[in-house]
N, C-alpha and C. Protein backbone atom coordinates (compact mmCIF):
# COMPACT_ATOMS: atom_id res chain seq x y z
N MET A 1 -45.18 192.26 -36.13
CA MET A 1 -44.74 191.63 -35.35
C MET A 1 -43.82 190.37 -35.95
N ARG A 2 -45.29 189.91 -36.84
CA ARG A 2 -44.39 188.69 -37.48
C ARG A 2 -42.87 188.91 -38.08
N GLY A 3 -43.20 189.78 -38.60
CA GLY A 3 -41.65 190.06 -39.67
C GLY A 3 -40.57 190.25 -38.43
N PHE A 4 -40.90 190.97 -37.22
CA PHE A 4 -39.69 191.29 -36.06
C PHE A 4 -38.98 189.84 -35.77
N ILE A 5 -40.18 188.79 -35.48
CA ILE A 5 -39.85 187.95 -34.88
C ILE A 5 -39.22 187.07 -36.11
N LEU A 6 -39.65 186.75 -37.48
CA LEU A 6 -38.62 186.46 -38.58
C LEU A 6 -37.27 187.03 -38.41
N GLY A 7 -37.21 188.51 -38.49
CA GLY A 7 -36.21 189.08 -38.46
C GLY A 7 -34.75 188.20 -37.63
N ILE A 8 -35.32 187.78 -36.02
CA ILE A 8 -34.56 187.20 -34.91
C ILE A 8 -34.33 185.82 -35.22
N VAL A 9 -34.81 185.09 -36.28
CA VAL A 9 -34.91 183.47 -36.48
C VAL A 9 -34.27 184.16 -37.66
N ILE A 10 -34.15 184.64 -38.54
CA ILE A 10 -32.53 184.26 -39.47
C ILE A 10 -31.62 185.29 -39.26
N THR A 11 -31.62 185.71 -37.90
CA THR A 11 -30.47 186.42 -37.58
C THR A 11 -29.48 185.00 -36.92
N ILE A 12 -30.66 184.81 -36.21
CA ILE A 12 -29.79 183.40 -35.62
C ILE A 12 -29.38 181.95 -36.63
N LEU A 13 -30.22 182.24 -37.61
CA LEU A 13 -29.60 181.01 -38.60
C LEU A 13 -28.75 181.47 -39.14
N VAL A 14 -28.21 182.62 -39.58
CA VAL A 14 -27.20 183.12 -40.08
C VAL A 14 -26.08 183.19 -39.04
N LEU A 15 -26.18 183.57 -37.80
CA LEU A 15 -25.26 183.37 -36.71
C LEU A 15 -24.82 182.21 -36.77
N LEU A 16 -25.32 181.22 -36.62
CA LEU A 16 -25.24 179.95 -36.51
C LEU A 16 -24.67 179.19 -37.53
N LEU A 17 -24.90 179.20 -39.14
CA LEU A 17 -24.63 178.84 -40.43
C LEU A 17 -23.13 179.93 -40.13
N GLY A 18 -23.09 180.93 -39.83
CA GLY A 18 -21.35 181.33 -40.24
C GLY A 18 -20.35 180.85 -39.36
N GLY A 19 -21.23 180.72 -37.88
CA GLY A 19 -19.64 180.13 -37.19
C GLY A 19 -19.39 178.63 -37.55
N LEU A 20 -20.69 177.93 -37.75
CA LEU A 20 -20.29 176.73 -38.76
C LEU A 20 -19.31 176.53 -39.60
N GLY A 21 -19.45 177.87 -40.51
CA GLY A 21 -18.89 177.99 -41.70
C GLY A 21 -17.51 178.29 -41.65
N LEU A 22 -17.15 179.40 -40.34
CA LEU A 22 -16.33 179.48 -39.88
C LEU A 22 -15.31 177.91 -39.39
N ALA A 23 -15.49 177.42 -38.74
CA ALA A 23 -15.36 176.51 -38.12
C ALA A 23 -15.04 175.14 -39.43
N LEU A 24 -15.62 174.82 -40.52
CA LEU A 24 -15.59 174.04 -41.23
C LEU A 24 -14.39 174.87 -42.45
N LEU A 25 -13.95 175.86 -42.49
CA LEU A 25 -13.27 176.15 -43.61
C LEU A 25 -11.75 176.78 -42.59
N GLY A 26 -11.83 176.11 -41.31
CA GLY A 26 -10.42 176.24 -40.85
C GLY A 26 -10.30 177.44 -40.37
N PHE A 27 -10.97 178.54 -40.00
CA PHE A 27 -10.64 179.79 -39.80
C PHE A 27 -10.50 179.60 -37.97
N LEU A 28 -11.09 179.21 -37.58
CA LEU A 28 -10.76 179.21 -35.78
C LEU A 28 -9.70 178.09 -35.31
N PRO A 29 -8.92 178.82 -34.53
CA PRO A 29 -7.79 178.15 -34.03
C PRO A 29 -7.99 176.83 -33.64
N THR A 30 -7.01 175.90 -34.02
CA THR A 30 -6.97 174.60 -33.15
C THR A 30 -5.64 174.20 -32.37
N ARG A 31 -4.54 174.42 -32.46
CA ARG A 31 -3.62 174.39 -31.66
C ARG A 31 -3.38 174.06 -30.00
N ALA A 32 -2.71 173.11 -29.66
CA ALA A 32 -2.82 172.78 -28.08
C ALA A 32 -2.53 173.54 -27.90
N ASN A 33 -1.28 174.79 -28.42
CA ASN A 33 -0.04 175.25 -27.57
C ASN A 33 -0.56 176.51 -27.24
N SER A 34 -1.95 177.18 -27.18
CA SER A 34 -2.03 178.57 -27.05
C SER A 34 -3.10 178.49 -26.01
N ALA A 35 -2.97 179.25 -25.79
CA ALA A 35 -4.20 180.07 -24.66
C ALA A 35 -5.87 180.15 -25.01
N PRO A 36 -6.78 179.10 -24.99
CA PRO A 36 -8.07 179.60 -25.75
C PRO A 36 -8.76 181.07 -25.20
N PRO A 37 -9.81 181.43 -26.04
CA PRO A 37 -10.03 182.92 -25.63
C PRO A 37 -10.91 182.25 -24.26
N GLU A 38 -11.15 183.25 -23.35
CA GLU A 38 -12.16 182.69 -22.25
C GLU A 38 -13.18 182.39 -22.26
N MET A 39 -14.09 182.93 -23.64
CA MET A 39 -15.22 182.53 -24.13
C MET A 39 -15.29 181.24 -24.40
N GLU A 40 -14.10 181.12 -25.23
CA GLU A 40 -13.94 179.29 -25.55
C GLU A 40 -13.97 178.51 -24.28
N ARG A 41 -12.95 178.79 -23.32
CA ARG A 41 -12.76 178.43 -21.88
C ARG A 41 -14.56 178.45 -21.34
N HIS A 42 -14.83 178.90 -21.69
CA HIS A 42 -15.71 179.18 -19.97
C HIS A 42 -17.87 178.25 -21.07
N LEU A 43 -17.33 177.95 -22.41
CA LEU A 43 -18.29 177.23 -22.71
C LEU A 43 -17.94 175.81 -22.65
N ALA A 44 -16.79 175.52 -22.67
CA ALA A 44 -16.25 174.18 -22.80
C ALA A 44 -16.49 172.93 -21.64
N MET A 45 -16.32 174.16 -20.63
CA MET A 45 -16.68 173.68 -19.14
C MET A 45 -17.81 173.38 -18.49
N SER A 46 -19.08 174.82 -18.98
CA SER A 46 -20.42 174.88 -19.11
C SER A 46 -21.06 173.62 -19.66
N ALA A 47 -20.34 172.85 -20.65
CA ALA A 47 -21.03 172.19 -21.46
C ALA A 47 -20.44 170.47 -20.46
N LEU A 48 -19.43 170.59 -20.53
CA LEU A 48 -18.87 169.30 -19.67
C LEU A 48 -19.55 169.35 -18.32
N ASP A 49 -20.13 170.50 -17.55
CA ASP A 49 -20.47 169.71 -16.24
C ASP A 49 -22.01 170.06 -16.83
N ASN A 50 -22.44 170.67 -17.37
CA ASN A 50 -23.58 170.13 -17.92
C ASN A 50 -24.38 168.55 -18.48
N SER A 51 -23.30 168.22 -19.31
CA SER A 51 -23.15 167.01 -19.80
C SER A 51 -23.47 165.50 -19.11
N VAL A 52 -22.51 165.94 -17.74
CA VAL A 52 -22.35 165.18 -16.69
C VAL A 52 -23.59 165.48 -15.58
N GLU A 53 -24.30 166.48 -15.49
CA GLU A 53 -25.30 166.49 -14.49
C GLU A 53 -26.34 165.83 -15.20
N ARG A 54 -26.12 165.70 -16.62
CA ARG A 54 -27.50 165.53 -17.39
C ARG A 54 -27.36 163.61 -17.25
N HIS A 55 -26.25 162.96 -17.26
CA HIS A 55 -26.16 161.66 -18.12
C HIS A 55 -25.48 161.07 -16.40
N ALA A 56 -24.89 161.47 -15.58
CA ALA A 56 -24.01 160.31 -14.75
C ALA A 56 -25.30 160.20 -13.70
N PRO A 57 -25.46 158.93 -13.66
CA PRO A 57 -26.35 158.76 -12.35
C PRO A 57 -25.70 159.09 -11.16
N ARG A 58 -26.65 159.43 -10.67
CA ARG A 58 -26.22 159.52 -8.80
C ARG A 58 -26.17 158.90 -7.65
N VAL A 59 -25.14 158.45 -7.38
CA VAL A 59 -24.99 157.15 -6.87
C VAL A 59 -24.03 157.01 -5.39
N ASN A 60 -24.09 156.72 -5.03
CA ASN A 60 -23.42 156.75 -3.40
C ASN A 60 -21.90 155.91 -3.58
N ASN A 61 -20.61 156.02 -3.41
CA ASN A 61 -19.61 155.35 -3.56
C ASN A 61 -19.93 153.93 -2.54
N PRO A 62 -20.15 152.68 -3.35
CA PRO A 62 -20.15 151.50 -2.52
C PRO A 62 -18.64 151.36 -1.85
N VAL A 63 -17.21 151.35 -1.95
CA VAL A 63 -16.29 151.42 -1.12
C VAL A 63 -16.31 152.51 0.03
N PRO A 64 -16.28 151.88 1.08
CA PRO A 64 -15.96 152.96 2.01
C PRO A 64 -14.54 153.86 2.31
N PRO A 65 -14.62 154.94 3.03
CA PRO A 65 -13.33 155.61 2.54
C PRO A 65 -12.42 155.15 3.73
N THR A 66 -12.18 154.11 4.22
CA THR A 66 -11.00 153.28 5.21
C THR A 66 -9.63 153.90 4.39
N ASP A 67 -8.85 153.83 5.84
CA ASP A 67 -7.29 154.35 5.68
C ASP A 67 -7.19 152.85 4.16
N GLU A 68 -7.02 151.87 4.54
CA GLU A 68 -6.56 151.39 3.13
C GLU A 68 -7.34 151.72 2.11
N ASN A 69 -8.68 151.57 1.90
CA ASN A 69 -8.91 152.22 0.31
C ASN A 69 -8.12 153.53 -0.36
N LEU A 70 -8.28 154.37 0.95
CA LEU A 70 -7.56 155.74 0.19
C LEU A 70 -6.06 155.47 0.18
N ILE A 71 -5.41 154.66 0.50
CA ILE A 71 -4.18 154.48 0.26
C ILE A 71 -4.13 153.64 -0.63
N GLU A 72 -4.96 152.70 -1.27
CA GLU A 72 -4.77 152.26 -2.60
C GLU A 72 -5.33 153.31 -3.47
N GLY A 73 -6.47 154.37 -2.63
CA GLY A 73 -6.21 155.34 -4.28
C GLY A 73 -5.25 156.28 -4.38
N LEU A 74 -4.76 156.50 -3.59
CA LEU A 74 -3.27 156.72 -3.46
C LEU A 74 -2.42 156.55 -4.62
N LYS A 75 -2.38 154.92 -4.40
CA LYS A 75 -1.39 154.40 -5.18
C LYS A 75 -2.17 153.97 -6.55
N ILE A 76 -3.33 154.16 -6.81
CA ILE A 76 -4.22 153.67 -8.02
C ILE A 76 -3.70 155.35 -9.04
N TYR A 77 -3.61 156.41 -8.36
CA TYR A 77 -3.37 157.79 -8.34
C TYR A 77 -2.36 158.04 -9.33
N THR A 78 -0.82 157.39 -8.28
CA THR A 78 0.03 157.47 -8.82
C THR A 78 0.51 156.86 -10.01
N MET A 79 -0.08 155.61 -10.05
CA MET A 79 0.55 154.89 -11.41
C MET A 79 -0.81 155.47 -12.61
N ASN A 80 -1.38 155.78 -12.48
CA ASN A 80 -2.17 156.08 -13.70
C ASN A 80 -2.67 157.70 -14.04
N CYS A 81 -2.27 158.73 -13.13
CA CYS A 81 -2.86 159.86 -13.25
C CYS A 81 -2.03 161.20 -13.09
N ALA A 82 -1.29 160.75 -12.45
CA ALA A 82 -0.21 161.84 -12.27
C ALA A 82 0.90 162.11 -13.01
N LEU A 83 1.24 161.34 -13.93
CA LEU A 83 1.72 161.59 -15.09
C LEU A 83 1.13 163.12 -16.01
N CYS A 84 -0.26 163.25 -16.15
CA CYS A 84 -1.26 164.38 -16.75
C CYS A 84 -1.41 164.86 -15.51
N HIS A 85 -1.89 164.69 -14.54
CA HIS A 85 -2.53 165.73 -13.86
C HIS A 85 -1.66 166.49 -12.23
N GLY A 86 -0.30 165.80 -12.25
CA GLY A 86 0.74 165.92 -11.00
C GLY A 86 0.47 164.90 -10.35
N GLY A 87 2.20 164.66 -9.83
CA GLY A 87 2.41 164.18 -8.69
C GLY A 87 1.86 164.04 -6.95
N ILE A 88 2.09 163.22 -6.74
CA ILE A 88 2.01 163.44 -4.88
C ILE A 88 3.04 164.15 -4.32
N ASP A 89 4.17 164.63 -4.98
CA ASP A 89 4.98 165.30 -4.91
C ASP A 89 4.82 166.62 -4.77
N ARG A 90 3.33 166.88 -5.36
CA ARG A 90 3.29 168.40 -5.36
C ARG A 90 3.89 169.16 -6.14
N GLN A 91 4.20 168.33 -7.06
CA GLN A 91 4.91 168.96 -8.21
C GLN A 91 4.62 169.25 -9.58
N PRO A 92 4.24 170.00 -10.51
CA PRO A 92 3.33 169.87 -11.69
C PRO A 92 3.47 168.98 -13.12
N SER A 93 2.77 168.43 -13.61
CA SER A 93 2.70 166.94 -14.50
C SER A 93 4.14 168.17 -15.58
N THR A 94 4.73 167.04 -16.05
CA THR A 94 5.62 167.62 -17.42
C THR A 94 5.04 167.65 -18.38
N LEU A 95 3.82 167.14 -18.30
CA LEU A 95 2.69 167.14 -19.81
C LEU A 95 1.57 168.40 -19.67
N GLU A 96 2.10 169.06 -18.80
CA GLU A 96 0.29 169.79 -18.29
C GLU A 96 0.64 170.77 -19.34
N LYS A 97 1.59 171.27 -20.08
CA LYS A 97 1.29 172.87 -21.13
C LYS A 97 1.62 171.56 -22.71
N SER A 98 1.26 170.71 -22.10
CA SER A 98 1.73 169.87 -24.05
C SER A 98 -0.29 169.37 -23.97
N PHE A 99 -0.73 169.62 -23.35
CA PHE A 99 -2.31 169.30 -23.17
C PHE A 99 -3.08 170.91 -23.54
N TYR A 100 -4.46 170.29 -24.51
CA TYR A 100 -4.98 171.34 -24.75
C TYR A 100 -6.53 170.17 -24.66
N PRO A 101 -7.41 170.98 -23.29
CA PRO A 101 -7.17 171.99 -22.51
C PRO A 101 -6.16 171.77 -21.63
N PRO A 102 -5.31 172.42 -21.24
CA PRO A 102 -4.51 171.60 -19.87
C PRO A 102 -5.05 170.83 -18.84
N PRO A 103 -4.36 169.77 -18.37
CA PRO A 103 -4.98 169.18 -17.21
C PRO A 103 -5.16 169.36 -16.06
N PRO A 104 -6.28 169.65 -15.60
CA PRO A 104 -6.40 170.30 -14.32
C PRO A 104 -5.28 169.71 -12.67
N ASN A 105 -4.41 170.07 -12.23
CA ASN A 105 -3.73 169.35 -11.65
C ASN A 105 -4.15 169.14 -9.64
N LEU A 106 -4.84 168.17 -9.71
CA LEU A 106 -5.31 167.50 -9.00
C LEU A 106 -5.36 167.28 -7.32
N ILE A 107 -3.71 167.41 -7.38
CA ILE A 107 -3.27 167.31 -5.80
C ILE A 107 -3.16 168.89 -5.53
N LEU A 108 -2.64 169.51 -6.40
CA LEU A 108 -2.44 171.51 -6.19
C LEU A 108 -3.81 172.01 -6.18
N HIS A 109 -4.90 171.64 -7.11
CA HIS A 109 -6.57 171.80 -6.76
C HIS A 109 -7.67 170.73 -7.12
N PRO A 110 -7.53 170.39 -6.30
CA PRO A 110 -8.73 168.68 -5.49
C PRO A 110 -10.08 169.28 -6.69
N PRO A 111 -10.90 168.12 -6.45
CA PRO A 111 -12.02 168.32 -7.44
C PRO A 111 -13.06 168.79 -6.04
N ASP A 112 -13.57 169.74 -6.40
CA ASP A 112 -15.21 169.51 -5.57
C ASP A 112 -16.07 169.36 -5.82
N ASP A 113 -16.36 168.33 -6.54
CA ASP A 113 -17.13 167.71 -6.99
C ASP A 113 -18.28 166.67 -6.39
N ALA A 114 -19.13 166.32 -6.43
CA ALA A 114 -19.42 164.92 -5.61
C ALA A 114 -19.44 163.93 -6.04
N GLU A 115 -19.09 162.78 -5.11
CA GLU A 115 -18.09 161.51 -5.68
C GLU A 115 -18.91 160.81 -7.20
N TRP A 116 -19.94 161.31 -7.40
CA TRP A 116 -20.84 160.23 -8.43
C TRP A 116 -20.13 161.42 -9.76
N HIS A 117 -19.76 162.64 -9.49
CA HIS A 117 -19.45 163.14 -10.44
C HIS A 117 -17.76 163.05 -10.98
N VAL A 118 -16.80 162.81 -9.96
CA VAL A 118 -15.75 162.40 -10.19
C VAL A 118 -15.63 161.09 -11.13
N PHE A 119 -16.43 160.21 -10.40
CA PHE A 119 -16.32 158.85 -10.84
C PHE A 119 -16.74 158.47 -12.33
N TYR A 120 -17.71 159.12 -12.46
CA TYR A 120 -18.61 159.71 -13.76
C TYR A 120 -17.10 159.95 -14.49
N LEU A 121 -16.78 161.13 -14.49
CA LEU A 121 -15.38 161.65 -15.38
C LEU A 121 -14.46 160.51 -15.58
N ILE A 122 -13.82 160.53 -14.28
CA ILE A 122 -12.88 158.77 -14.79
C ILE A 122 -13.33 157.87 -15.32
N HIS A 123 -14.41 157.44 -15.07
CA HIS A 123 -15.03 155.90 -15.84
C HIS A 123 -15.52 156.73 -17.33
N ASN A 124 -15.56 157.19 -17.89
CA ASN A 124 -16.46 157.59 -18.81
C ASN A 124 -15.11 158.25 -20.35
N GLY A 125 -14.25 159.05 -19.34
CA GLY A 125 -13.47 160.04 -20.20
C GLY A 125 -14.00 161.29 -20.61
N VAL A 126 -12.96 162.18 -20.83
CA VAL A 126 -13.73 163.16 -21.45
C VAL A 126 -13.17 163.65 -22.57
N ARG A 127 -14.29 163.16 -23.57
CA ARG A 127 -13.92 163.31 -25.22
C ARG A 127 -13.27 164.93 -25.95
N TYR A 128 -11.84 164.62 -26.79
CA TYR A 128 -10.78 165.73 -27.26
C TYR A 128 -10.54 166.56 -25.89
N THR A 129 -9.63 165.84 -25.17
CA THR A 129 -9.23 166.45 -23.66
C THR A 129 -7.68 165.62 -23.41
N GLY A 130 -8.31 164.64 -23.81
CA GLY A 130 -6.56 163.37 -23.60
C GLY A 130 -7.17 162.62 -22.48
N MET A 131 -8.29 162.87 -21.72
CA MET A 131 -8.65 162.30 -20.72
C MET A 131 -9.61 160.63 -21.15
N PRO A 132 -8.74 159.58 -20.82
CA PRO A 132 -9.48 158.45 -21.57
C PRO A 132 -10.36 158.14 -20.33
N ALA A 133 -11.32 157.32 -20.87
CA ALA A 133 -12.10 156.56 -19.91
C ALA A 133 -11.33 155.20 -19.72
N TRP A 134 -11.77 155.51 -18.22
CA TRP A 134 -10.51 154.24 -17.35
C TRP A 134 -11.67 153.34 -17.32
N ASP A 135 -12.92 152.98 -17.60
CA ASP A 135 -13.17 151.96 -17.50
C ASP A 135 -12.80 150.41 -18.08
N LYS A 136 -12.10 150.30 -19.19
CA LYS A 136 -11.48 148.82 -19.68
C LYS A 136 -10.37 148.64 -19.22
N THR A 137 -9.64 149.88 -18.50
CA THR A 137 -8.37 149.40 -17.31
C THR A 137 -8.47 149.24 -15.89
N LEU A 138 -9.26 150.01 -15.28
CA LEU A 138 -9.13 150.12 -13.79
C LEU A 138 -10.71 149.18 -13.79
N SER A 139 -10.87 148.61 -12.48
CA SER A 139 -12.00 147.87 -12.02
C SER A 139 -13.04 148.88 -11.52
N GLU A 140 -14.26 148.94 -11.63
CA GLU A 140 -14.88 149.97 -10.79
C GLU A 140 -14.57 149.99 -9.24
N GLY A 141 -14.56 149.11 -8.21
CA GLY A 141 -14.04 148.97 -7.34
C GLY A 141 -12.36 150.07 -7.08
N ASP A 142 -11.48 149.73 -7.96
CA ASP A 142 -10.30 150.55 -8.27
C ASP A 142 -10.94 152.26 -8.67
N ILE A 143 -12.17 152.38 -9.38
CA ILE A 143 -12.40 153.76 -9.92
C ILE A 143 -12.53 154.35 -8.38
N TRP A 144 -14.15 153.58 -7.68
CA TRP A 144 -13.93 154.02 -6.48
C TRP A 144 -13.56 154.50 -5.40
N LYS A 145 -12.34 153.96 -5.51
CA LYS A 145 -11.21 154.26 -4.56
C LYS A 145 -10.53 154.98 -5.35
N LEU A 146 -10.32 155.40 -6.29
CA LEU A 146 -9.72 156.74 -6.97
C LEU A 146 -10.37 157.70 -6.37
N THR A 147 -11.76 157.65 -6.86
CA THR A 147 -12.41 159.14 -6.67
C THR A 147 -12.41 159.00 -5.35
N ALA A 148 -12.71 158.17 -3.87
CA ALA A 148 -12.49 158.72 -2.71
C ALA A 148 -11.28 159.14 -2.01
N PHE A 149 -10.36 159.01 -3.24
CA PHE A 149 -9.02 159.62 -2.91
C PHE A 149 -8.64 160.87 -3.32
N LEU A 150 -9.32 161.47 -4.60
CA LEU A 150 -9.52 162.81 -4.96
C LEU A 150 -10.31 163.59 -4.49
N THR A 151 -11.63 162.88 -3.73
CA THR A 151 -12.93 163.83 -3.12
C THR A 151 -12.03 163.85 -1.64
N ARG A 152 -11.13 163.35 -1.17
CA ARG A 152 -11.07 163.31 0.22
C ARG A 152 -9.18 164.30 0.06
N VAL A 153 -8.73 164.44 -0.91
CA VAL A 153 -7.19 164.86 -0.76
C VAL A 153 -6.73 166.24 0.85
N GLU A 154 -7.67 166.95 0.36
CA GLU A 154 -7.30 167.84 1.95
C GLU A 154 -7.73 167.55 3.29
N LYS A 155 -8.26 166.53 2.89
CA LYS A 155 -9.29 166.14 4.50
C LYS A 155 -9.03 164.42 5.09
N LEU A 156 -7.76 163.95 4.33
CA LEU A 156 -7.40 162.96 4.67
C LEU A 156 -7.18 162.34 6.01
N PRO A 157 -7.28 161.07 6.37
CA PRO A 157 -6.89 160.71 7.80
C PRO A 157 -5.50 160.96 8.02
N PRO A 158 -4.56 160.77 9.49
CA PRO A 158 -3.38 161.23 9.47
C PRO A 158 -2.76 159.81 9.14
N SER A 159 -3.23 158.53 9.08
CA SER A 159 -2.09 157.68 8.81
C SER A 159 -2.16 157.80 7.34
N VAL A 160 -3.01 157.92 6.15
CA VAL A 160 -2.88 158.26 4.84
C VAL A 160 -2.20 159.22 5.08
N GLN A 161 -2.19 160.60 5.63
CA GLN A 161 -1.00 161.47 5.54
C GLN A 161 0.54 160.90 5.55
N ASP A 162 0.35 160.59 7.10
CA ASP A 162 1.77 159.67 7.02
C ASP A 162 2.46 158.84 5.84
N TYR A 163 1.39 158.36 4.99
CA TYR A 163 2.17 156.85 4.05
C TYR A 163 2.50 158.22 3.18
N TRP A 164 1.39 158.87 2.71
CA TRP A 164 1.61 159.92 1.60
C TRP A 164 2.68 160.77 1.55
N LYS A 165 3.66 161.40 3.11
CA LYS A 165 4.57 161.98 3.29
C LYS A 165 5.84 161.10 3.09
N LYS A 166 5.67 159.66 3.46
CA LYS A 166 6.95 158.94 3.54
C LYS A 166 7.05 158.55 2.26
N SER A 167 5.90 158.25 0.78
CA SER A 167 6.06 158.12 -0.04
C SER A 167 6.47 158.69 -1.34
N SER A 168 6.10 160.34 -0.77
CA SER A 168 6.18 161.25 -1.59
C SER A 168 7.63 162.44 -1.13
N GLY A 169 7.95 162.24 0.40
CA GLY A 169 8.49 163.01 0.46
C GLY A 169 8.22 164.51 0.80
N ALA A 170 6.99 164.77 0.62
CA ALA A 170 5.98 165.89 0.60
C ALA A 170 4.43 165.96 1.46
N ASN A 171 4.35 166.75 1.64
CA ASN A 171 2.77 166.75 2.57
C ASN A 171 2.22 167.21 2.07
N PRO A 172 1.49 166.45 2.49
CA PRO A 172 -0.31 166.35 2.06
C PRO A 172 -0.71 167.64 1.77
N PRO A 173 -1.77 168.09 0.72
CA PRO A 173 -2.53 169.30 1.29
C PRO A 173 -3.38 168.86 1.81
N THR A 174 -3.84 170.08 2.85
CA THR A 174 -5.05 170.52 4.01
C THR A 174 -5.75 171.37 4.03
N GLY A 175 -7.27 171.77 3.81
CA GLY A 175 -7.99 172.46 4.07
C GLY A 175 -7.42 172.99 2.49
N SER A 176 -7.50 174.35 3.04
CA SER A 176 -7.23 175.60 2.02
C SER A 176 -5.85 175.66 1.65
N GLN A 177 -5.13 175.17 2.12
CA GLN A 177 -3.57 174.86 1.53
C GLN A 177 -3.27 174.59 0.30
N GLY A 178 -3.93 173.05 -0.36
CA GLY A 178 -3.57 172.95 -1.65
C GLY A 178 -4.51 173.77 -2.88
N HIS A 179 -5.26 175.17 -2.34
CA HIS A 179 -5.53 176.15 -3.45
C HIS A 179 -4.78 177.43 -3.35
N ASP A 180 -4.43 177.69 -2.22
CA ASP A 180 -3.60 178.69 -2.31
C ASP A 180 -2.15 178.67 -2.48
N GLU A 181 -1.80 177.83 -1.83
CA GLU A 181 -0.40 177.90 -1.67
C GLU A 181 0.53 177.64 -2.98
N HIS A 182 0.08 177.23 -4.01
CA HIS A 182 0.38 177.12 -5.37
C HIS A 182 -0.05 178.40 -6.49
N LYS A 183 -1.27 178.93 -6.14
CA LYS A 183 -1.45 179.49 -7.19
C LYS A 183 -0.53 180.79 -7.97
C-alpha cells in the first residue's frame, strides 16, 4: 500500500514539474491573438472567481441606486470602461479582439455577480488581463456608482433608460434581451 501511495505522489510531482518545465522552456502558447484552449479558459475563470470569493470583503454598496447615481455610473462607464468593454450604443469594443483574454462586453452581457464582487474587480483590477485597478483613478464612491450601474444594466429605472437612449441613440438592454440578442 505504501508503494502505491508513493507512486501516486511521484506521478503528481512528475506531472507538476513537467508542466512547469514546458512553461519555463517556452512550449506553451502565449499569443494574445488566438483562442485559448477550453481547459485554460475554464481554469483561469475558476481561479479568478475563487480568488475574489476568498479575498473580497462582502460589503454592501453604500451608494444608493438613485436615478442620479445610476446616470453618474453610466457616465463613468462611458468615459473609462467603454473603450475595452463596449459602448452604451451596444456596439462591441474596437479593442475586443486585441486583448487576451478578450474583455467581456458589459453592456451586452452584464455581470451577474454580487455588487461586492464587481466592486472588488473594478477596484483591484485583474492581473495578466489588461484590466487595471481603478482605485488610484476613481474615487471609491465613483467605483460604487459604476458598480450600481453595471449590476442593474438590464433593470434600469425609466428616467435612466431615457438618458441612455438620448445619450447613445440605442435602447438599453432589458431583461434577457442583453444576453440573447447579440450572441
